[in-house]
PDB file of N, CA and C in Angstrom:
ATOM      1  N   MET A   1     106.683  77.280  79.494  1.00  0.00           N
ATOM      2  CA  MET A   1     108.196  77.019  79.607  1.00  0.00           C
ATOM      3  C   MET A   1     108.953  77.686  80.672  1.00  0.00           C
ATOM      4  N   THR A   2     109.517  76.540  81.399  1.00  0.00           N
ATOM      5  CA  THR A   2     109.676  77.468  82.356  1.00  0.00           C
ATOM      6  C   THR A   2     111.712  77.757  81.696  1.00  0.00           C
ATOM      7  N   ILE A   3     112.563  78.583  82.953  1.00  0.00           N
ATOM      8  CA  ILE A   3     114.341  79.147  82.813  1.00  0.00           C
ATOM      9  C   ILE A   3     114.639  77.678  82.428  1.00  0.00           C
ATOM     10  N   SER A   4     115.411  77.746  81.332  1.00  0.00           N
ATOM     11  CA  SER A   4     116.849  76.566  81.479  1.00  0.00           C
ATOM     12  C   SER A   4     117.840  77.384  81.946  1.00  0.00           C
ATOM     13  N   SER A   5     118.807  76.421  81.805  1.00  0.00           N
ATOM     14  CA  SER A   5     119.965  76.560  82.346  1.00  0.00           C
ATOM     15  C   SER A   5     121.026  77.428  81.130  1.00  0.00           C
ATOM     16  N   ASP A   6     120.545  77.089  79.767  1.00  0.00           N
ATOM     17  CA  ASP A   6     120.861  77.817  78.790  1.00  0.00           C
ATOM     18  C   ASP A   6     120.557  79.224  78.518  1.00  0.00           C
ATOM     19  N   GLN A   7     119.524  79.581  79.342  1.00  0.00           N
ATOM     20  CA  GLN A   7     119.073  80.890  79.386  1.00  0.00           C
ATOM     21  C   GLN A   7     118.955  81.870  79.958  1.00  0.00           C
ATOM     22  N   VAL A   8     120.028  81.315  81.226  1.00  0.00           N
ATOM     23  CA  VAL A   8     120.475  81.780  82.083  1.00  0.00           C
ATOM     24  C   VAL A   8     121.603  83.373  81.661  1.00  0.00           C
ATOM     25  N   SER A   9     121.989  82.479  80.924  1.00  0.00           N
ATOM     26  CA  SER A   9     123.263  83.736  80.704  1.00  0.00           C
ATOM     27  C   SER A   9     123.120  85.162  79.957  1.00  0.00           C
ATOM     28  N   SER A  10     122.237  84.412  78.757  1.00  0.00           N
ATOM     29  CA  SER A  10     121.061  86.248  78.539  1.00  0.00           C
ATOM     30  C   SER A  10     120.770  86.779  79.340  1.00  0.00           C
ATOM     31  N   LEU A  11     119.443  86.333  80.424  1.00  0.00           N
ATOM     32  CA  LEU A  11     119.027  86.772  81.036  1.00  0.00           C
ATOM     33  C   LEU A  11     120.234  87.382  82.228  1.00  0.00           C
ATOM     34  N   SER A  12     121.024  87.379  82.373  1.00  0.00           N
ATOM     35  CA  SER A  12     121.753  87.705  83.384  1.00  0.00           C
ATOM     36  C   SER A  12     122.595  88.989  83.016  1.00  0.00           C
ATOM     37  N   ARG A  13     122.499  89.048  81.701  1.00  0.00           N
ATOM     38  CA  ARG A  13     123.523  90.131  80.711  1.00  0.00           C
ATOM     39  C   ARG A  13     123.048  91.410  81.325  1.00  0.00           C
ATOM     40  N   GLY A  14     121.874  91.645  81.772  1.00  0.00           N
ATOM     41  CA  GLY A  14     121.284  93.608  82.645  1.00  0.00           C
ATOM     42  C   GLY A  14     120.199  93.547  81.362  1.00  0.00           C
ATOM     43  N   GLY A  15     119.243  94.423  81.501  1.00  0.00           N
ATOM     44  CA  GLY A  15     118.687  94.763  81.026  1.00  0.00           C
ATOM     45  C   GLY A  15     117.136  94.788  80.929  1.00  0.00           C
ATOM     46  N   GLY A  16     116.860  93.270  81.346  1.00  0.00           N
ATOM     47  CA  GLY A  16     115.721  92.347  82.161  1.00  0.00           C
ATOM     48  C   GLY A  16     115.154  92.837  82.918  1.00  0.00           C
ATOM     49  N   LYS A  17     113.667  92.575  82.488  1.00  0.00           N
ATOM     50  CA  LYS A  17     112.739  92.523  84.129  1.00  0.00           C
ATOM     51  C   LYS A  17     112.200  92.042  84.589  1.00  0.00           C
ATOM     52  N   VAL A  18     111.946  91.512  85.698  1.00  0.00           N
ATOM     53  CA  VAL A  18     111.066  90.675  86.161  1.00  0.00           C
ATOM     54  C   VAL A  18     109.478  91.242  86.267  1.00  0.00           C
ATOM     55  N   MET A  19     108.794  90.595  85.967  1.00  0.00           N
ATOM     56  CA  MET A  19     107.165  90.986  85.681  1.00  0.00           C
ATOM     57  C   MET A  19     106.320  90.074  86.793  1.00  0.00           C
ATOM     58  N   SER A  20     105.462  90.594  86.577  1.00  0.00           N
ATOM     59  CA  SER A  20     104.142  89.653  87.165  1.00  0.00           C
ATOM     60  C   SER A  20     103.719  88.319  86.528  1.00  0.00           C
ATOM     61  N   ALA A  21     102.952  87.609  86.458  1.00  0.00           N
ATOM     62  CA  ALA A  21     102.359  86.699  85.724  1.00  0.00           C
ATOM     63  C   ALA A  21     101.111  87.797  85.083  1.00  0.00           C
ATOM     64  N   ARG A  22     100.611  88.721  85.816  1.00  0.00           N
ATOM     65  CA  ARG A  22      99.718  89.292  85.035  1.00  0.00           C
ATOM     66  C   ARG A  22     100.269  90.665  84.160  1.00  0.00           C
ATOM     67  N   GLY A  23     101.869  90.590  84.064  1.00  0.00           N
ATOM     68  CA  GLY A  23     102.431  91.930  83.225  1.00  0.00           C
ATOM     69  C   GLY A  23     102.898  92.828  84.256  1.00  0.00           C
ATOM     70  N   GLY A  24     102.409  93.052  85.218  1.00  0.00           N
ATOM     71  CA  GLY A  24     103.106  93.983  86.037  1.00  0.00           C
ATOM     72  C   GLY A  24     104.786  94.148  86.290  1.00  0.00           C
ATOM     73  N   LYS A  25     105.150  95.281  86.193  1.00  0.00           N
ATOM     74  CA  LYS A  25     106.653  95.484  85.920  1.00  0.00           C
ATOM     75  C   LYS A  25     107.065  95.173  88.031  1.00  0.00           C
ATOM     76  N   ILE A  26     107.995  94.243  88.335  1.00  0.00           N
ATOM     77  CA  ILE A  26     107.853  94.293  89.525  1.00  0.00           C
ATOM     78  C   ILE A  26     109.598  94.916  90.033  1.00  0.00           C
ATOM     79  N   GLY A  27     110.574  94.502  88.942  1.00  0.00           N
ATOM     80  CA  GLY A  27     111.985  95.474  89.170  1.00  0.00           C
ATOM     81  C   GLY A  27     112.642  94.200  88.046  1.00  0.00           C
ATOM     82  N   SER A  28     114.214  95.095  88.032  1.00  0.00           N
ATOM     83  CA  SER A  28     115.158  94.554  87.156  1.00  0.00           C
ATOM     84  C   SER A  28     115.884  93.269  87.460  1.00  0.00           C
ATOM     85  N   ILE A  29     116.107  92.343  86.681  1.00  0.00           N
ATOM     86  CA  ILE A  29     116.914  91.304  86.944  1.00  0.00           C
ATOM     87  C   ILE A  29     118.103  91.518  87.709  1.00  0.00           C
ATOM     88  N   GLY A  30     118.423  91.212  89.036  1.00  0.00           N
ATOM     89  CA  GLY A  30     119.962  91.329  89.311  1.00  0.00           C
ATOM     90  C   GLY A  30     120.714  90.039  89.270  1.00  0.00           C
ATOM     91  N   GLN A  31     120.637  88.609  90.062  1.00  0.00           N
ATOM     92  CA  GLN A  31     121.493  87.597  89.943  1.00  0.00           C
ATOM     93  C   GLN A  31     120.670  86.653  89.470  1.00  0.00           C
ATOM     94  N   ILE A  32     121.265  85.579  89.182  1.00  0.00           N
ATOM     95  CA  ILE A  32     120.033  84.236  88.812  1.00  0.00           C
ATOM     96  C   ILE A  32     120.869  83.495  89.672  1.00  0.00           C
ATOM     97  N   TYR A  33     119.785  82.879  90.244  1.00  0.00           N
ATOM     98  CA  TYR A  33     121.143  81.857  91.449  1.00  0.00           C
ATOM     99  C   TYR A  33     120.584  80.404  90.969  1.00  0.00           C
ATOM    100  N   LEU A  34     121.849  79.098  90.632  1.00  0.00           N
ATOM    101  CA  LEU A  34     121.285  78.055  90.361  1.00  0.00           C
ATOM    102  C   LEU A  34     121.880  77.235  91.266  1.00  0.00           C
ATOM    103  N   ASP A  35     121.070  76.115  91.581  1.00  0.00           N
ATOM    104  CA  ASP A  35     120.922  74.700  92.739  1.00  0.00           C
ATOM    105  C   ASP A  35     122.469  74.027  92.214  1.00  0.00           C
ATOM    106  N   ASN A  36     123.217  74.363  93.377  1.00  0.00           N
ATOM    107  CA  ASN A  36     124.961  73.581  93.402  1.00  0.00           C
ATOM    108  C   ASN A  36     124.553  72.320  92.780  1.00  0.00           C
ATOM    109  N   GLN A  37     123.699  71.500  93.176  1.00  0.00           N
ATOM    110  CA  GLN A  37     123.499  69.953  92.376  1.00  0.00           C
ATOM    111  C   GLN A  37     122.976  69.619  91.082  1.00  0.00           C
ATOM    112  N   THR A  38     121.890  70.541  90.839  1.00  0.00           N
ATOM    113  CA  THR A  38     121.386  70.129  89.550  1.00  0.00           C
ATOM    114  C   THR A  38     121.390  71.364  88.388  1.00  0.00           C
ATOM    115  N   ASP A  39     122.507  72.517  89.274  1.00  0.00           N
ATOM    116  CA  ASP A  39     122.855  73.890  87.469  1.00  0.00           C
ATOM    117  C   ASP A  39     121.454  74.032  87.024  1.00  0.00           C
ATOM    118  N   GLU A  40     120.216  73.933  88.067  1.00  0.00           N
ATOM    119  CA  GLU A  40     119.065  74.392  87.125  1.00  0.00           C
ATOM    120  C   GLU A  40     118.877  75.248  88.007  1.00  0.00           C
ATOM    121  N   PRO A  41     118.450  76.826  87.383  1.00  0.00           N
ATOM    122  CA  PRO A  41     117.878  78.046  87.768  1.00  0.00           C
ATOM    123  C   PRO A  41     116.722  77.810  89.248  1.00  0.00           C
ATOM    124  N   THR A  42     117.454  78.693  90.012  1.00  0.00           N
ATOM    125  CA  THR A  42     116.145  78.850  91.678  1.00  0.00           C
ATOM    126  C   THR A  42     115.698  79.872  91.955  1.00  0.00           C
ATOM    127  N   TRP A  43     116.435  80.674  91.641  1.00  0.00           N
ATOM    128  CA  TRP A  43     116.602  81.834  92.569  1.00  0.00           C
ATOM    129  C   TRP A  43     116.515  82.862  91.641  1.00  0.00           C
ATOM    130  N   VAL A  44     116.125  84.182  91.550  1.00  0.00           N
ATOM    131  CA  VAL A  44     116.323  85.491  90.870  1.00  0.00           C
ATOM    132  C   VAL A  44     116.312  86.546  92.034  1.00  0.00           C
ATOM    133  N   THR A  45     117.120  87.400  92.046  1.00  0.00           N
ATOM    134  CA  THR A  45     116.999  88.876  92.703  1.00  0.00           C
ATOM    135  C   THR A  45     116.907  89.617  91.815  1.00  0.00           C
ATOM    136  N   VAL A  46     115.814  90.707  92.094  1.00  0.00           N
ATOM    137  CA  VAL A  46     114.917  91.299  91.830  1.00  0.00           C
ATOM    138  C   VAL A  46     115.294  92.636  92.603  1.00  0.00           C
ATOM    139  N   LYS A  47     115.673  93.643  91.801  1.00  0.00           N
ATOM    140  CA  LYS A  47     115.726  95.364  91.909  1.00  0.00           C
ATOM    141  C   LYS A  47     115.262  95.816  92.442  1.00  0.00           C
ATOM    142  N   THR A  48     114.845  96.785  93.414  1.00  0.00           N
ATOM    143  CA  THR A  48     113.622  96.963  93.497  1.00  0.00           C
ATOM    144  C   THR A  48     113.513  98.289  94.108  1.00  0.00           C
ATOM    145  N   GLY A  49     113.054  99.465  94.433  1.00  0.00           N
ATOM    146  CA  GLY A  49     113.324 100.634  95.373  1.00  0.00           C
ATOM    147  C   GLY A  49     113.581 101.326  94.001  1.00  0.00           C
ATOM    148  N   LEU A  50     114.168 102.642  95.022  1.00  0.00           N
ATOM    149  CA  LEU A  50     114.652 103.683  94.430  1.00  0.00           C
ATOM    150  C   LEU A  50     115.654 103.580  93.478  1.00  0.00           C
ATOM    151  N   PHE A  51     115.857 103.848  92.285  1.00  0.00           N
ATOM    152  CA  PHE A  51     117.525 103.305  91.241  1.00  0.00           C
ATOM    153  C   PHE A  51     117.886 101.930  91.714  1.00  0.00           C
ATOM    154  N   GLY A  52     116.988 101.141  92.142  1.00  0.00           N
ATOM    155  CA  GLY A  52     116.955  99.382  92.465  1.00  0.00           C
ATOM    156  C   GLY A  52     117.741  99.249  93.569  1.00  0.00           C
ATOM    157  N   ALA A  53     117.841 100.128  94.122  1.00  0.00           N
ATOM    158  CA  ALA A  53     118.982  99.862  95.521  1.00  0.00           C
ATOM    159  C   ALA A  53     118.382  98.848  96.504  1.00  0.00           C
ATOM    160  N   SER A  54     117.501  98.093  96.660  1.00  0.00           N
ATOM    161  CA  SER A  54     117.143  97.053  97.182  1.00  0.00           C
ATOM    162  C   SER A  54     117.127  96.080  96.619  1.00  0.00           C
ATOM    163  N   GLU A  55     117.534  94.539  96.689  1.00  0.00           N
ATOM    164  CA  GLU A  55     117.384  93.579  95.719  1.00  0.00           C
ATOM    165  C   GLU A  55     116.522  92.230  96.662  1.00  0.00           C
ATOM    166  N   SER A  56     115.543  91.812  96.756  1.00  0.00           N
ATOM    167  CA  SER A  56     114.610  90.819  97.077  1.00  0.00           C
ATOM    168  C   SER A  56     114.729  89.410  96.234  1.00  0.00           C
ATOM    169  N   PHE A  57     114.898  88.427  96.934  1.00  0.00           N
ATOM    170  CA  PHE A  57     115.111  87.126  95.805  1.00  0.00           C
ATOM    171  C   PHE A  57     113.426  86.764  95.933  1.00  0.00           C
ATOM    172  N   ALA A  58     113.452  85.599  94.855  1.00  0.00           N
ATOM    173  CA  ALA A  58     111.997  85.411  94.336  1.00  0.00           C
ATOM    174  C   ALA A  58     112.246  83.936  93.582  1.00  0.00           C
ATOM    175  N   PRO A  59     111.399  82.818  93.628  1.00  0.00           N
ATOM    176  CA  PRO A  59     111.572  81.538  93.318  1.00  0.00           C
ATOM    177  C   PRO A  59     111.566  81.799  92.021  1.00  0.00           C
ATOM    178  N   LEU A  60     112.149  81.005  91.134  1.00  0.00           N
ATOM    179  CA  LEU A  60     111.889  80.673  89.552  1.00  0.00           C
ATOM    180  C   LEU A  60     111.156  79.531  89.585  1.00  0.00           C
ATOM    181  N   ALA A  61     110.469  78.805  90.192  1.00  0.00           N
ATOM    182  CA  ALA A  61     109.704  78.016  89.822  1.00  0.00           C
ATOM    183  C   ALA A  61     108.738  78.776  88.936  1.00  0.00           C
ATOM    184  N   ASP A  62     108.114  77.956  88.362  1.00  0.00           N
ATOM    185  CA  ASP A  62     107.312  77.840  87.247  1.00  0.00           C
ATOM    186  C   ASP A  62     107.595  79.317  86.688  1.00  0.00           C
ATOM    187  N   ALA A  63     108.308  79.923  86.479  1.00  0.00           N
ATOM    188  CA  ALA A  63     108.671  81.346  85.722  1.00  0.00           C
ATOM    189  C   ALA A  63     109.128  80.952  84.156  1.00  0.00           C
ATOM    190  N   THR A  64     108.311  81.927  83.396  1.00  0.00           N
ATOM    191  CA  THR A  64     108.892  81.641  82.270  1.00  0.00           C
ATOM    192  C   THR A  64     109.427  83.085  81.799  1.00  0.00           C
ATOM    193  N   VAL A  65     110.344  82.827  80.199  1.00  0.00           N
ATOM    194  CA  VAL A  65     110.911  83.575  79.863  1.00  0.00           C
ATOM    195  C   VAL A  65     110.197  84.530  78.672  1.00  0.00           C
ATOM    196  N   GLN A  66     109.894  85.792  78.756  1.00  0.00           N
ATOM    197  CA  GLN A  66     109.460  86.766  77.997  1.00  0.00           C
ATOM    198  C   GLN A  66     110.420  87.403  77.074  1.00  0.00           C
ATOM    199  N   GLY A  67     111.039  87.218  75.700  1.00  0.00           N
ATOM    200  CA  GLY A  67     111.829  88.288  75.615  1.00  0.00           C
ATOM    201  C   GLY A  67     113.318  87.905  76.251  1.00  0.00           C
ATOM    202  N   ASN A  68     113.229  89.198  77.049  1.00  0.00           N
ATOM    203  CA  ASN A  68     114.801  89.574  78.141  1.00  0.00           C
ATOM    204  C   ASN A  68     114.214  89.593  79.220  1.00  0.00           C
ATOM    205  N   ASN A  69     112.464  88.846  79.441  1.00  0.00           N
ATOM    206  CA  ASN A  69     112.266  89.464  80.517  1.00  0.00           C
ATOM    207  C   ASN A  69     111.714  88.494  81.520  1.00  0.00           C
ATOM    208  N   ILE A  70     111.378  87.747  82.762  1.00  0.00           N
ATOM    209  CA  ILE A  70     111.299  86.979  83.540  1.00  0.00           C
ATOM    210  C   ILE A  70     109.956  87.298  83.876  1.00  0.00           C
ATOM    211  N   ALA A  71     108.779  86.394  83.658  1.00  0.00           N
ATOM    212  CA  ALA A  71     107.584  86.431  84.383  1.00  0.00           C
ATOM    213  C   ALA A  71     107.002  85.134  85.159  1.00  0.00           C
ATOM    214  N   ILE A  72     107.036  85.831  86.704  1.00  0.00           N
ATOM    215  CA  ILE A  72     106.848  85.141  87.887  1.00  0.00           C
ATOM    216  C   ILE A  72     105.037  85.213  88.678  1.00  0.00           C
ATOM    217  N   ASN A  73     105.158  84.472  89.487  1.00  0.00           N
ATOM    218  CA  ASN A  73     103.911  84.069  90.009  1.00  0.00           C
ATOM    219  C   ASN A  73     103.591  84.677  90.947  1.00  0.00           C
ATOM    220  N   TYR A  74     104.140  85.953  91.156  1.00  0.00           N
ATOM    221  CA  TYR A  74     104.372  86.632  93.020  1.00  0.00           C
ATOM    222  C   TYR A  74     103.935  88.347  92.622  1.00  0.00           C
ATOM    223  N   ASN A  75     103.467  88.659  92.934  1.00  0.00           N
ATOM    224  CA  ASN A  75     103.135  89.984  93.053  1.00  0.00           C
ATOM    225  C   ASN A  75     104.539  91.162  93.447  1.00  0.00           C
ATOM    226  N   LYS A  76     104.487  92.123  93.446  1.00  0.00           N
ATOM    227  CA  LYS A  76     105.561  92.998  93.584  1.00  0.00           C
ATOM    228  C   LYS A  76     105.539  92.994  95.310  1.00  0.00           C
ATOM    229  N   ALA A  77     104.723  93.113  96.587  1.00  0.00           N
ATOM    230  CA  ALA A  77     104.215  93.173  97.003  1.00  0.00           C
ATOM    231  C   ALA A  77     105.044  92.264  98.291  1.00  0.00           C
ATOM    232  N   LYS A  78     104.910  91.008  97.467  1.00  0.00           N
ATOM    233  CA  LYS A  78     105.304  89.909  98.118  1.00  0.00           C
ATOM    234  C   LYS A  78     106.691  89.941  98.217  1.00  0.00           C
ATOM    235  N   ILE A  79     106.713  90.505  97.208  1.00  0.00           N
ATOM    236  CA  ILE A  79     108.500  90.180  96.616  1.00  0.00           C
ATOM    237  C   ILE A  79     109.350  91.119  97.598  1.00  0.00           C
ATOM    238  N   LYS A  80     108.535  92.358  97.727  1.00  0.00           N
ATOM    239  CA  LYS A  80     109.209  93.573  98.477  1.00  0.00           C
ATOM    240  C   LYS A  80     109.364  93.270  99.786  1.00  0.00           C
ATOM    241  N   ASP A  81     108.225  92.387 100.328  1.00  0.00           N
ATOM    242  CA  ASP A  81     108.230  91.505 101.906  1.00  0.00           C
ATOM    243  C   ASP A  81     109.332  90.574 102.223  1.00  0.00           C
ATOM    244  N   ALA A  82     109.971  90.026 100.866  1.00  0.00           N
ATOM    245  CA  ALA A  82     110.934  88.613 101.217  1.00  0.00           C
ATOM    246  C   ALA A  82     111.480  88.493 102.467  1.00  0.00           C
ATOM    247  N   PRO A  83     111.836  87.634 103.390  1.00  0.00           N
ATOM    248  CA  PRO A  83     112.939  87.592 103.812  1.00  0.00           C
ATOM    249  C   PRO A  83     114.338  88.204 103.215  1.00  0.00           C
ATOM    250  N   ARG A  84     114.837  89.382 103.980  1.00  0.00           N
ATOM    251  CA  ARG A  84     116.205  89.835 103.590  1.00  0.00           C
ATOM    252  C   ARG A  84     117.033  88.498 103.637  1.00  0.00           C
ATOM    253  N   VAL A  85     117.841  88.635 102.722  1.00  0.00           N
ATOM    254  CA  VAL A  85     119.061  87.730 102.516  1.00  0.00           C
ATOM    255  C   VAL A  85     120.071  88.719 101.722  1.00  0.00           C
ATOM    256  N   ASP A  86     121.636  88.408 102.020  1.00  0.00           N
ATOM    257  CA  ASP A  86     122.477  89.358 101.404  1.00  0.00           C
ATOM    258  C   ASP A  86     122.376  88.674 100.189  1.00  0.00           C
ATOM    259  N   PRO A  87     122.353  89.649  98.581  1.00  0.00           N
ATOM    260  CA  PRO A  87     122.499  88.539  97.485  1.00  0.00           C
ATOM    261  C   PRO A  87     124.186  88.825  97.245  1.00  0.00           C
ATOM    262  N   ASP A  88     125.174  87.851  97.851  1.00  0.00           N
ATOM    263  CA  ASP A  88     126.546  87.897  97.915  1.00  0.00           C
ATOM    264  C   ASP A  88     126.836  86.673  97.360  1.00  0.00           C
ATOM    265  N   GLY A  89     126.122  86.379  96.227  1.00  0.00           N
ATOM    266  CA  GLY A  89     126.830  85.090  95.628  1.00  0.00           C
ATOM    267  C   GLY A  89     126.608  83.810  95.813  1.00  0.00           C
ATOM    268  N   SER A  90     125.756  83.369  97.108  1.00  0.00           N
ATOM    269  CA  SER A  90     125.292  82.029  97.387  1.00  0.00           C
ATOM    270  C   SER A  90     124.551  82.453  98.992  1.00  0.00           C
ATOM    271  N   LEU A  91     124.077  81.035  99.097  1.00  0.00           N
ATOM    272  CA  LEU A  91     122.741  81.038  99.801  1.00  0.00           C
ATOM    273  C   LEU A  91     122.849  80.069 101.030  1.00  0.00           C
ATOM    274  N   SER A  92     123.244  80.278 101.508  1.00  0.00           N
ATOM    275  CA  SER A  92     122.841  78.892 102.857  1.00  0.00           C
ATOM    276  C   SER A  92     121.145  78.214 103.134  1.00  0.00           C
ATOM    277  N   PRO A  93     122.024  76.928 103.327  1.00  0.00           N
ATOM    278  CA  PRO A  93     120.670  76.251 102.865  1.00  0.00           C
ATOM    279  C   PRO A  93     119.772  76.393 104.041  1.00  0.00           C
ATOM    280  N   ALA A  94     119.776  77.515 105.441  1.00  0.00           N
ATOM    281  CA  ALA A  94     119.416  78.068 105.790  1.00  0.00           C
ATOM    282  C   ALA A  94     118.658  78.886 105.570  1.00  0.00           C
ATOM    283  N   GLU A  95     119.260  79.981 104.778  1.00  0.00           N
ATOM    284  CA  GLU A  95     118.815  80.571 104.134  1.00  0.00           C
ATOM    285  C   GLU A  95     117.664  80.268 103.141  1.00  0.00           C
ATOM    286  N   GLU A  96     118.387  79.471 102.275  1.00  0.00           N
ATOM    287  CA  GLU A  96     117.483  78.993 101.843  1.00  0.00           C
ATOM    288  C   GLU A  96     115.955  78.571 101.869  1.00  0.00           C
ATOM    289  N   ASP A  97     116.106  77.725 103.212  1.00  0.00           N
ATOM    290  CA  ASP A  97     114.598  77.108 103.810  1.00  0.00           C
ATOM    291  C   ASP A  97     113.656  78.778 104.020  1.00  0.00           C
ATOM    292  N   ARG A  98     114.617  79.734 104.529  1.00  0.00           N
ATOM    293  CA  ARG A  98     113.974  80.836 104.839  1.00  0.00           C
ATOM    294  C   ARG A  98     112.688  81.360 103.910  1.00  0.00           C
ATOM    295  N   LEU A  99     113.269  81.291 102.483  1.00  0.00           N
ATOM    296  CA  LEU A  99     113.017  81.591 101.895  1.00  0.00           C
ATOM    297  C   LEU A  99     111.667  80.928 101.091  1.00  0.00           C
ATOM    298  N   TYR A 100     112.413  79.749 101.072  1.00  0.00           N
ATOM    299  CA  TYR A 100     111.100  78.658 100.589  1.00  0.00           C
ATOM    300  C   TYR A 100     109.852  78.558 101.529  1.00  0.00           C
ATOM    301  N   GLU A 101     110.372  78.400 102.737  1.00  0.00           N
ATOM    302  CA  GLU A 101     109.099  78.873 103.816  1.00  0.00           C
ATOM    303  C   GLU A 101     108.288  79.801 103.680  1.00  0.00           C
ATOM    304  N   TYR A 102     108.666  81.026 103.596  1.00  0.00           N
ATOM    305  CA  TYR A 102     108.086  82.809 103.094  1.00  0.00           C
ATOM    306  C   TYR A 102     107.396  82.199 101.931  1.00  0.00           C
ATOM    307  N   TYR A 103     107.557  81.717 101.100  1.00  0.00           N
ATOM    308  CA  TYR A 103     106.833  81.605 100.003  1.00  0.00           C
ATOM    309  C   TYR A 103     106.179  80.668  99.704  1.00  0.00           C
ATOM    310  N   GLY A 104     105.974  79.855 100.572  1.00  0.00           N
ATOM    311  CA  GLY A 104     105.209  78.328 100.705  1.00  0.00           C
ATOM    312  C   GLY A 104     105.558  77.406  99.792  1.00  0.00           C
ATOM    313  N   ILE A 105     106.768  77.141  99.194  1.00  0.00           N
ATOM    314  CA  ILE A 105     107.127  76.419  98.595  1.00  0.00           C
ATOM    315  C   ILE A 105     108.006  74.929  99.057  1.00  0.00           C
ATOM    316  N   ALA A 106     107.992  74.115  98.708  1.00  0.00           N
ATOM    317  CA  ALA A 106     109.182  72.955  99.170  1.00  0.00           C
ATOM    318  C   ALA A 106     110.144  73.669  98.756  1.00  0.00           C
ATOM    319  N   GLY A 107     111.198  73.003  99.355  1.00  0.00           N
ATOM    320  CA  GLY A 107     112.674  73.363  99.450  1.00  0.00           C
ATOM    321  C   GLY A 107     113.170  72.145  99.319  1.00  0.00           C
ATOM    322  N   THR A 108     114.377  72.014  98.579  1.00  0.00           N
ATOM    323  CA  THR A 108     115.368  70.973  97.894  1.00  0.00           C
ATOM    324  C   THR A 108     116.374  70.856  99.061  1.00  0.00           C
ATOM    325  N   GLY A 109     116.673  71.855 100.273  1.00  0.00           N
ATOM    326  CA  GLY A 109     117.701  71.314 101.293  1.00  0.00           C
ATOM    327  C   GLY A 109     119.356  71.315 100.762  1.00  0.00           C
ATOM    328  N   CYS A 110     119.079  72.015  99.363  1.00  0.00           N
ATOM    329  CA  CYS A 110     120.925  72.567  99.024  1.00  0.00           C
ATOM    330  C   CYS A 110     121.256  73.647  98.400  1.00  0.00           C
ATOM    331  N   GLU A 111     122.178  74.058  98.850  1.00  0.00           N
ATOM    332  CA  GLU A 111     122.467  75.573  98.605  1.00  0.00           C
ATOM    333  C   GLU A 111     122.745  76.048  97.337  1.00  0.00           C
ATOM    334  N   ALA A 112     122.462  77.141  97.005  1.00  0.00           N
ATOM    335  CA  ALA A 112     122.429  77.434  95.816  1.00  0.00           C
ATOM    336  C   ALA A 112     123.620  79.029  95.141  1.00  0.00           C
ATOM    337  N   GLU A 113     123.553  78.616  94.505  1.00  0.00           N
ATOM    338  CA  GLU A 113     125.017  79.940  93.963  1.00  0.00           C
ATOM    339  C   GLU A 113     124.410  80.825  92.766  1.00  0.00           C
ATOM    340  N   ALA A 114     124.651  81.833  92.631  1.00  0.00           N
ATOM    341  CA  ALA A 114     124.746  83.228  91.708  1.00  0.00           C
ATOM    342  C   ALA A 114     125.331  82.555  90.453  1.00  0.00           C
ATOM    343  N   ALA A 115     124.209  82.663  89.321  1.00  0.00           N
ATOM    344  CA  ALA A 115     125.160  82.192  88.009  1.00  0.00           C
ATOM    345  C   ALA A 115     126.367  82.998  87.722  1.00  0.00           C
ATOM    346  N   GLY A 116     127.385  82.318  87.133  1.00  0.00           N
ATOM    347  CA  GLY A 116     128.445  83.353  86.715  1.00  0.00           C
ATOM    348  C   GLY A 116     129.273  83.556  88.080  1.00  0.00           C
ATOM    349  N   ASP A 117     129.742  84.860  87.611  1.00  0.00           N
ATOM    350  CA  ASP A 117     130.928  85.290  88.716  1.00  0.00           C
ATOM    351  C   ASP A 117     129.627  86.109  90.127  1.00  0.00           C
ATOM    352  N   THR A 118     129.344  86.509  90.052  1.00  0.00           N
ATOM    353  CA  THR A 118     128.549  86.876  91.130  1.00  0.00           C
ATOM    354  C   THR A 118     127.593  86.192  91.914  1.00  0.00           C
ATOM    355  N   GLY A 119     102.836  79.455  91.021  1.00  0.00           N
ATOM    356  CA  GLY A 119     101.397  78.960  91.858  1.00  0.00           C
ATOM    357  C   GLY A 119     100.914  80.525  91.513  1.00  0.00           C
ATOM    358  N   GLU A 120     100.330  80.804  91.384  1.00  0.00           N
ATOM    359  CA  GLU A 120      99.499  82.295  91.465  1.00  0.00           C
ATOM    360  C   GLU A 120      98.853  82.624  92.448  1.00  0.00           C
ATOM    361  N   PHE A 121      99.563  84.197  92.906  1.00  0.00           N
ATOM    362  CA  PHE A 121      98.967  84.516  94.066  1.00  0.00           C
ATOM    363  C   PHE A 121      97.570  85.819  93.985  1.00  0.00           C
ATOM    364  N   ASP A 122      97.145  85.849  95.015  1.00  0.00           N
ATOM    365  CA  ASP A 122      96.612  87.086  95.038  1.00  0.00           C
ATOM    366  C   ASP A 122      96.921  88.383  95.327  1.00  0.00           C
ATOM    367  N   GLU A 123      96.425  89.392  95.093  1.00  0.00           N
ATOM    368  CA  GLU A 123      96.766  91.040  95.267  1.00  0.00           C
ATOM    369  C   GLU A 123      97.622  91.285  96.872  1.00  0.00           C
ATOM    370  N   ASP A 124      97.238  89.985  97.896  1.00  0.00           N
ATOM    371  CA  ASP A 124      97.834  90.277  98.924  1.00  0.00           C
ATOM    372  C   ASP A 124      99.218  89.018  99.205  1.00  0.00           C
ATOM    373  N   GLY A 125      99.225  88.769  97.943  1.00  0.00           N
ATOM    374  CA  GLY A 125     100.618  87.445  98.415  1.00  0.00           C
ATOM    375  C   GLY A 125      99.902  86.458  98.483  1.00  0.00           C
ATOM    376  N   ASN A 126      98.886  85.880  98.627  1.00  0.00           N
ATOM    377  CA  ASN A 126      98.502  84.330  99.119  1.00  0.00           C
ATOM    378  C   ASN A 126      97.979  83.866  98.427  1.00  0.00           C
ATOM    379  N   ARG A 127      98.547  82.385  98.165  1.00  0.00           N
ATOM    380  CA  ARG A 127      97.513  81.210  97.200  1.00  0.00           C
ATOM    381  C   ARG A 127      96.411  81.393  97.490  1.00  0.00           C
ATOM    382  N   PRO A 128      95.574  81.153  96.291  1.00  0.00           N
ATOM    383  CA  PRO A 128      93.898  81.291  96.435  1.00  0.00           C
ATOM    384  C   PRO A 128      93.725  80.118  96.745  1.00  0.00           C
TER     385      PRO A 128
END
């Protein structure tokens, strides 16, 4: 089951983790971004590093909810190496295109904004 827009508010309240599909902890849930046209969840920021000081974007395509956690099909190294985009509450089409290209998935060409106010990969982060 993929993430629905109804689940976003409970996941955004804090305390949830982003996990790899194999069960390894990647980081804490930061913000969940919704597509401006469809209101569907498209991105999550993952707080990694010492005290969660760094946030990286990860796509929610094919992600699932497991309790308060989100399981995604990417490993920690892939997410930490994602292009740096400021989690300022919205993604421009150019920023989103860079992220889609990095993750090797087709983009929508639409902007995404944070909710509220604010494929399987090998160990190297490549598709098998």
